[in-house]
C-alpha cells in the first residue's frame, strides 16, 4: 500500500467512526429496523457520498466556499432534518408496531449526506491534505472511493451495533426509553449542527 493511501486511511478512520449525524442515524436505524433493512438508506448515503466527494474533488469545491451563508444554510437545513428525524423517533413505539412506519430508503440516506456539514468539512480537509501534490482525476477518484468505502464500513458497524439493541426495542417500556434516548441524541446532534 502506498504511504499516501495509508496516511489517508489513518486520517479518515477517526473521522468516519466518531459520532456524527450519519453514524447516529444508522445506529438508530439498525436498532429500529435491523441491519438488512438499513441497506437502502446506506446505499443512498454512500452513493451520494461518492458523487458529492468526486464533484468537489474535481473542482467544484469552490462553489461550496463562495459564501459563508451557504455553509450556514446547509448547517441549518441539515440540523433541521436531523431534528425532524429525532421528533419522529421520540413518538415511535416498539418494533412490533412499526410495520406501518415508513422505512428509511435510498433518498433518506442521500438527503442525510447532502445536508451533513460534517461530511463537507471532512471532504474539504481531506482534499486540502491529500490532493496537494497530485490533482489528477485518477487521484481524485482514488481518494473519493477510499473515503466512501471507509464510511461504508464504519456506518455498517454502527448499524450492526444499533441492531444489537433491537431486542430491547421489542418491549414497550424499553422501546419508549430507547426511542426517546436516541431522539435526544439526534436532537443534540441537530442543535450542534445548527450552531456550528
C-alpha atoms as a PDB file:
ATOM      1  CA  UNK A   1       0.000   0.000   0.000  1.00  0.00           C
ATOM      2  CA  UNK A   2       1.438   3.401  -0.943  1.00  0.00           C
ATOM      3  CA  UNK A   3       2.295   5.640   2.043  1.00  0.00           C
ATOM      4  CA  UNK A   4      -0.229   8.284   0.888  1.00  0.00           C
ATOM      5  CA  UNK A   5      -3.039   5.711   0.983  1.00  0.00           C
ATOM      6  CA  UNK A   6      -2.079   4.570   4.471  1.00  0.00           C
ATOM      7  CA  UNK A   7      -1.939   8.200   5.611  1.00  0.00           C
ATOM      8  CA  UNK A   8      -5.382   8.811   4.087  1.00  0.00           C
ATOM      9  CA  UNK A   9      -6.842   5.769   5.858  1.00  0.00           C
ATOM     10  CA  UNK A  10      -5.355   6.878   9.182  1.00  0.00           C
ATOM     11  CA  UNK A  11      -6.781  10.365   8.567  1.00  0.00           C
ATOM     12  CA  UNK A  12     -10.247   9.004   7.762  1.00  0.00           C
ATOM     13  CA  UNK A  13     -10.639   6.344  10.457  1.00  0.00           C
ATOM     14  CA  UNK A  14     -11.363   8.590  13.426  1.00  0.00           C
ATOM     15  CA  UNK A  15     -13.490  10.927  11.319  1.00  0.00           C
ATOM     16  CA  UNK A  16     -15.817   8.256   9.938  1.00  0.00           C
ATOM     17  CA  UNK A  17     -16.008   6.272  13.164  1.00  0.00           C
ATOM     18  CA  UNK A  18     -16.677   9.194  15.538  1.00  0.00           C
ATOM     19  CA  UNK A  19     -20.304  10.053  16.333  1.00  0.00           C
ATOM     20  CA  UNK A  20     -21.948  12.413  13.909  1.00  0.00           C
ATOM     21  CA  UNK A  21     -25.290  12.761  12.113  1.00  0.00           C
ATOM     22  CA  UNK A  22     -24.672   9.787   9.814  1.00  0.00           C
ATOM     23  CA  UNK A  23     -23.389   7.435  12.500  1.00  0.00           C
ATOM     24  CA  UNK A  24     -26.214   8.256  14.901  1.00  0.00           C
ATOM     25  CA  UNK A  25     -28.799   7.917  12.120  1.00  0.00           C
ATOM     26  CA  UNK A  26     -27.515   4.490  11.074  1.00  0.00           C
ATOM     27  CA  UNK A  27     -27.096   3.217  14.644  1.00  0.00           C
ATOM     28  CA  UNK A  28     -30.675   4.258  15.348  1.00  0.00           C
ATOM     29  CA  UNK A  29     -31.877   2.770  12.072  1.00  0.00           C
ATOM     30  CA  UNK A  30     -30.104  -0.501  12.856  1.00  0.00           C
ATOM     31  CA  UNK A  31     -31.643  -0.612  16.306  1.00  0.00           C
ATOM     32  CA  UNK A  32     -35.056   0.250  14.966  1.00  0.00           C
ATOM     33  CA  UNK A  33     -35.212  -1.914  11.844  1.00  0.00           C
ATOM     34  CA  UNK A  34     -32.151  -4.191  11.823  1.00  0.00           C
ATOM     35  CA  UNK A  35     -29.095  -4.341   9.597  1.00  0.00           C
ATOM     36  CA  UNK A  36     -30.797  -5.704   6.475  1.00  0.00           C
ATOM     37  CA  UNK A  37     -33.494  -3.015   6.421  1.00  0.00           C
ATOM     38  CA  UNK A  38     -30.841  -0.292   6.582  1.00  0.00           C
ATOM     39  CA  UNK A  39     -29.261  -1.163   3.206  1.00  0.00           C
ATOM     40  CA  UNK A  40     -31.454   1.127   1.028  1.00  0.00           C
ATOM     41  CA  UNK A  41     -30.621   4.175   3.178  1.00  0.00           C
ATOM     42  CA  UNK A  42     -26.965   3.138   3.287  1.00  0.00           C
ATOM     43  CA  UNK A  43     -26.920   2.808  -0.494  1.00  0.00           C
ATOM     44  CA  UNK A  44     -28.380   6.307  -0.849  1.00  0.00           C
ATOM     45  CA  UNK A  45     -25.965   7.802   1.645  1.00  0.00           C
ATOM     46  CA  UNK A  46     -22.879   6.238   0.143  1.00  0.00           C
ATOM     47  CA  UNK A  47     -23.832   6.847  -3.497  1.00  0.00           C
ATOM     48  CA  UNK A  48     -24.374  10.493  -2.557  1.00  0.00           C
ATOM     49  CA  UNK A  49     -21.066  10.470  -0.670  1.00  0.00           C
ATOM     50  CA  UNK A  50     -19.212   9.204  -3.718  1.00  0.00           C
ATOM     51  CA  UNK A  51     -20.886  11.621  -6.168  1.00  0.00           C
ATOM     52  CA  UNK A  52     -20.565  14.705  -3.943  1.00  0.00           C
ATOM     53  CA  UNK A  53     -16.969  13.891  -2.999  1.00  0.00           C
ATOM     54  CA  UNK A  54     -15.971  13.284  -6.610  1.00  0.00           C
ATOM     55  CA  UNK A  55     -17.620  16.517  -7.750  1.00  0.00           C
ATOM     56  CA  UNK A  56     -15.911  18.504  -5.026  1.00  0.00           C
ATOM     57  CA  UNK A  57     -12.583  16.880  -5.745  1.00  0.00           C
ATOM     58  CA  UNK A  58     -12.805  17.573  -9.465  1.00  0.00           C
ATOM     59  CA  UNK A  59     -13.006  21.283  -8.883  1.00  0.00           C
ATOM     60  CA  UNK A  60     -16.453  22.183  -7.717  1.00  0.00           C
ATOM     61  CA  UNK A  61     -15.278  22.770  -4.161  1.00  0.00           C
ATOM     62  CA  UNK A  62     -15.052  26.497  -4.846  1.00  0.00           C
ATOM     63  CA  UNK A  63     -18.862  26.538  -5.129  1.00  0.00           C
ATOM     64  CA  UNK A  64     -19.210  25.375  -1.522  1.00  0.00           C
ATOM     65  CA  UNK A  65     -16.860  28.123  -0.355  1.00  0.00           C
ATOM     66  CA  UNK A  66     -18.407  31.038  -2.229  1.00  0.00           C
ATOM     67  CA  UNK A  67     -20.268  32.427   0.746  1.00  0.00           C
ATOM     68  CA  UNK A  68     -20.392  31.783   4.464  1.00  0.00           C
ATOM     69  CA  UNK A  69     -24.194  31.958   4.213  1.00  0.00           C
ATOM     70  CA  UNK A  70     -24.237  28.844   2.045  1.00  0.00           C
ATOM     71  CA  UNK A  71     -22.377  26.828   4.690  1.00  0.00           C
ATOM     72  CA  UNK A  72     -24.584  28.226   7.431  1.00  0.00           C
ATOM     73  CA  UNK A  73     -27.715  27.462   5.402  1.00  0.00           C
ATOM     74  CA  UNK A  74     -26.601  23.882   4.886  1.00  0.00           C
ATOM     75  CA  UNK A  75     -25.867  23.512   8.602  1.00  0.00           C
ATOM     76  CA  UNK A  76     -29.324  24.843   9.471  1.00  0.00           C
ATOM     77  CA  UNK A  77     -31.074  22.669   6.877  1.00  0.00           C
ATOM     78  CA  UNK A  78     -29.112  19.589   7.955  1.00  0.00           C
ATOM     79  CA  UNK A  79     -29.795  20.306  11.611  1.00  0.00           C
ATOM     80  CA  UNK A  80     -33.496  20.771  10.896  1.00  0.00           C
ATOM     81  CA  UNK A  81     -33.609  17.444   9.032  1.00  0.00           C
ATOM     82  CA  UNK A  82     -31.886  15.575  11.882  1.00  0.00           C
ATOM     83  CA  UNK A  83     -34.181  17.329  14.382  1.00  0.00           C
ATOM     84  CA  UNK A  84     -37.195  16.162  12.351  1.00  0.00           C
ATOM     85  CA  UNK A  85     -35.839  12.585  12.493  1.00  0.00           C
ATOM     86  CA  UNK A  86     -35.438  12.968  16.278  1.00  0.00           C
ATOM     87  CA  UNK A  87     -39.033  14.193  16.581  1.00  0.00           C
ATOM     88  CA  UNK A  88     -40.321  11.159  14.668  1.00  0.00           C
ATOM     89  CA  UNK A  89     -38.238   8.835  16.818  1.00  0.00           C
ATOM     90  CA  UNK A  90     -39.440  10.458  20.063  1.00  0.00           C
ATOM     91  CA  UNK A  91     -43.001   9.273  19.456  1.00  0.00           C
ATOM     92  CA  UNK A  92     -42.148   5.901  17.930  1.00  0.00           C
ATOM     93  CA  UNK A  93     -43.368   2.722  19.561  1.00  0.00           C
ATOM     94  CA  UNK A  94     -41.879  -0.751  19.782  1.00  0.00           C
ATOM     95  CA  UNK A  95     -40.704  -2.575  16.663  1.00  0.00           C
ATOM     96  CA  UNK A  96     -43.724  -4.877  16.669  1.00  0.00           C
ATOM     97  CA  UNK A  97     -45.928  -1.874  15.869  1.00  0.00           C
ATOM     98  CA  UNK A  98     -43.541  -0.464  13.300  1.00  0.00           C
ATOM     99  CA  UNK A  99     -44.978  -2.293  10.321  1.00  0.00           C
ATOM    100  CA  UNK A 100     -46.980   0.806   9.393  1.00  0.00           C
ATOM    101  CA  UNK A 101     -43.967   3.094   9.748  1.00  0.00           C
ATOM    102  CA  UNK A 102     -42.248   4.127   6.537  1.00  0.00           C
ATOM    103  CA  UNK A 103     -38.797   2.589   6.281  1.00  0.00           C
ATOM    104  CA  UNK A 104     -35.787   4.728   5.521  1.00  0.00           C
ATOM    105  CA  UNK A 105     -34.938   4.495   1.853  1.00  0.00           C
ATOM    106  CA  UNK A 106     -32.290   5.487  -0.656  1.00  0.00           C
ATOM    107  CA  UNK A 107     -33.490   9.104  -0.780  1.00  0.00           C
ATOM    108  CA  UNK A 108     -33.377   9.420   3.026  1.00  0.00           C
ATOM    109  CA  UNK A 109     -29.740   8.347   3.001  1.00  0.00           C
ATOM    110  CA  UNK A 110     -28.879  10.702   0.133  1.00  0.00           C
ATOM    111  CA  UNK A 111     -30.584  13.680   1.802  1.00  0.00           C
ATOM    112  CA  UNK A 112     -28.760  12.954   5.039  1.00  0.00           C
ATOM    113  CA  UNK A 113     -25.397  13.133   3.255  1.00  0.00           C
ATOM    114  CA  UNK A 114     -26.246  16.243   1.238  1.00  0.00           C
ATOM    115  CA  UNK A 115     -27.329  18.104   4.385  1.00  0.00           C
ATOM    116  CA  UNK A 116     -24.477  16.841   6.591  1.00  0.00           C
ATOM    117  CA  UNK A 117     -21.991  19.662   7.287  1.00  0.00           C
ATOM    118  CA  UNK A 118     -19.570  17.244   9.000  1.00  0.00           C
ATOM    119  CA  UNK A 119     -19.183  15.417   5.686  1.00  0.00           C
ATOM    120  CA  UNK A 120     -18.309  18.623   3.822  1.00  0.00           C
ATOM    121  CA  UNK A 121     -15.780  19.658   6.463  1.00  0.00           C
ATOM    122  CA  UNK A 122     -14.096  16.253   6.252  1.00  0.00           C
ATOM    123  CA  UNK A 123     -14.101  16.305   2.433  1.00  0.00           C
ATOM    124  CA  UNK A 124     -12.555  19.784   2.344  1.00  0.00           C
ATOM    125  CA  UNK A 125      -9.846  18.862   4.861  1.00  0.00           C
ATOM    126  CA  UNK A 126      -9.181  15.587   3.097  1.00  0.00           C
ATOM    127  CA  UNK A 127      -8.711  17.150  -0.322  1.00  0.00           C
ATOM    128  CA  UNK A 128      -6.624  20.014   1.034  1.00  0.00           C
ATOM    129  CA  UNK A 129      -4.229  17.468   2.512  1.00  0.00           C
ATOM    130  CA  UNK A 130      -4.302  14.573   0.061  1.00  0.00           C
ATOM    131  CA  UNK A 131      -4.548  16.363  -3.291  1.00  0.00           C
ATOM    132  CA  UNK A 132      -1.842  18.926  -2.610  1.00  0.00           C
ATOM    133  CA  UNK A 133       0.727  17.279  -4.880  1.00  0.00           C
ATOM    134  CA  UNK A 134      -1.477  15.367  -7.324  1.00  0.00           C
ATOM    135  CA  UNK A 135      -4.806  16.738  -8.536  1.00  0.00           C
ATOM    136  CA  UNK A 136      -5.206  14.253 -11.388  1.00  0.00           C
ATOM    137  CA  UNK A 137      -8.669  12.776 -11.988  1.00  0.00           C
ATOM    138  CA  UNK A 138      -7.263   9.339 -11.136  1.00  0.00           C
ATOM    139  CA  UNK A 139      -6.056  10.592  -7.755  1.00  0.00           C
ATOM    140  CA  UNK A 140      -9.403  12.287  -7.057  1.00  0.00           C
ATOM    141  CA  UNK A 141     -11.202   9.062  -7.975  1.00  0.00           C
ATOM    142  CA  UNK A 142      -8.944   7.006  -5.669  1.00  0.00           C
ATOM    143  CA  UNK A 143      -9.362   9.371  -2.693  1.00  0.00           C
ATOM    144  CA  UNK A 144     -13.134   9.572  -3.281  1.00  0.00           C
ATOM    145  CA  UNK A 145     -13.517   5.802  -3.436  1.00  0.00           C
ATOM    146  CA  UNK A 146     -11.361   5.172  -0.374  1.00  0.00           C
ATOM    147  CA  UNK A 147     -13.294   7.815   1.562  1.00  0.00           C
ATOM    148  CA  UNK A 148     -16.639   6.269   0.570  1.00  0.00           C
ATOM    149  CA  UNK A 149     -15.570   2.698   1.382  1.00  0.00           C
ATOM    150  CA  UNK A 150     -14.226   3.771   4.783  1.00  0.00           C
ATOM    151  CA  UNK A 151     -17.573   5.420   5.554  1.00  0.00           C
ATOM    152  CA  UNK A 152     -19.471   2.357   4.354  1.00  0.00           C
ATOM    153  CA  UNK A 153     -17.557   0.069   6.712  1.00  0.00           C
ATOM    154  CA  UNK A 154     -17.874   2.475   9.658  1.00  0.00           C
ATOM    155  CA  UNK A 155     -21.590   3.061   9.156  1.00  0.00           C
ATOM    156  CA  UNK A 156     -22.246  -0.652   8.691  1.00  0.00           C
ATOM    157  CA  UNK A 157     -20.581  -1.325  12.045  1.00  0.00           C
ATOM    158  CA  UNK A 158     -22.632   1.470  13.654  1.00  0.00           C
ATOM    159  CA  UNK A 159     -25.785  -0.023  12.116  1.00  0.00           C
ATOM    160  CA  UNK A 160     -24.856  -3.517  13.324  1.00  0.00           C
ATOM    161  CA  UNK A 161     -24.258  -2.180  16.838  1.00  0.00           C
ATOM    162  CA  UNK A 162     -27.636  -0.488  16.744  1.00  0.00           C
ATOM    163  CA  UNK A 163     -29.228  -3.707  15.517  1.00  0.00           C
ATOM    164  CA  UNK A 164     -27.916  -5.433  18.638  1.00  0.00           C
ATOM    165  CA  UNK A 165     -30.294  -3.203  20.586  1.00  0.00           C
ATOM    166  CA  UNK A 166     -33.223  -4.465  18.503  1.00  0.00           C
ATOM    167  CA  UNK A 167     -34.375  -6.987  21.107  1.00  0.00           C
ATOM    168  CA  UNK A 168     -34.662  -4.195  23.675  1.00  0.00           C
ATOM    169  CA  UNK A 169     -36.810  -2.215  21.242  1.00  0.00           C
ATOM    170  CA  UNK A 170     -39.392  -5.005  21.152  1.00  0.00           C
ATOM    171  CA  UNK A 171     -40.666  -4.380  24.682  1.00  0.00           C
ATOM    172  CA  UNK A 172     -42.991  -1.391  25.110  1.00  0.00           C
ATOM    173  CA  UNK A 173     -41.163   0.275  28.026  1.00  0.00           C
ATOM    174  CA  UNK A 174     -37.694  -0.408  26.637  1.00  0.00           C
ATOM    175  CA  UNK A 175     -38.752   0.834  23.211  1.00  0.00           C
ATOM    176  CA  UNK A 176     -40.077   4.066  24.663  1.00  0.00           C
ATOM    177  CA  UNK A 177     -36.921   4.697  26.697  1.00  0.00           C
ATOM    178  CA  UNK A 178     -34.543   3.785  23.863  1.00  0.00           C
ATOM    179  CA  UNK A 179     -36.511   5.772  21.268  1.00  0.00           C
ATOM    180  CA  UNK A 180     -36.523   8.838  23.486  1.00  0.00           C
ATOM    181  CA  UNK A 181     -32.845   8.454  24.379  1.00  0.00           C
ATOM    182  CA  UNK A 182     -31.959   8.148  20.692  1.00  0.00           C
ATOM    183  CA  UNK A 183     -34.234  11.067  19.872  1.00  0.00           C
ATOM    184  CA  UNK A 184     -32.439  13.209  22.454  1.00  0.00           C
ATOM    185  CA  UNK A 185     -29.051  12.231  20.961  1.00  0.00           C
ATOM    186  CA  UNK A 186     -30.268  13.105  17.458  1.00  0.00           C
ATOM    187  CA  UNK A 187     -31.702  16.389  18.729  1.00  0.00           C
ATOM    188  CA  UNK A 188     -28.342  17.186  20.355  1.00  0.00           C
ATOM    189  CA  UNK A 189     -26.561  16.491  17.074  1.00  0.00           C
ATOM    190  CA  UNK A 190     -29.116  18.673  15.253  1.00  0.00           C
ATOM    191  CA  UNK A 191     -28.565  21.595  17.625  1.00  0.00           C
ATOM    192  CA  UNK A 192     -24.789  21.184  17.316  1.00  0.00           C
ATOM    193  CA  UNK A 193     -25.122  21.207  13.505  1.00  0.00           C
ATOM    194  CA  UNK A 194     -27.197  24.390  13.545  1.00  0.00           C
ATOM    195  CA  UNK A 195     -24.964  26.257  15.997  1.00  0.00           C
ATOM    196  CA  UNK A 196     -21.611  25.466  14.376  1.00  0.00           C
END
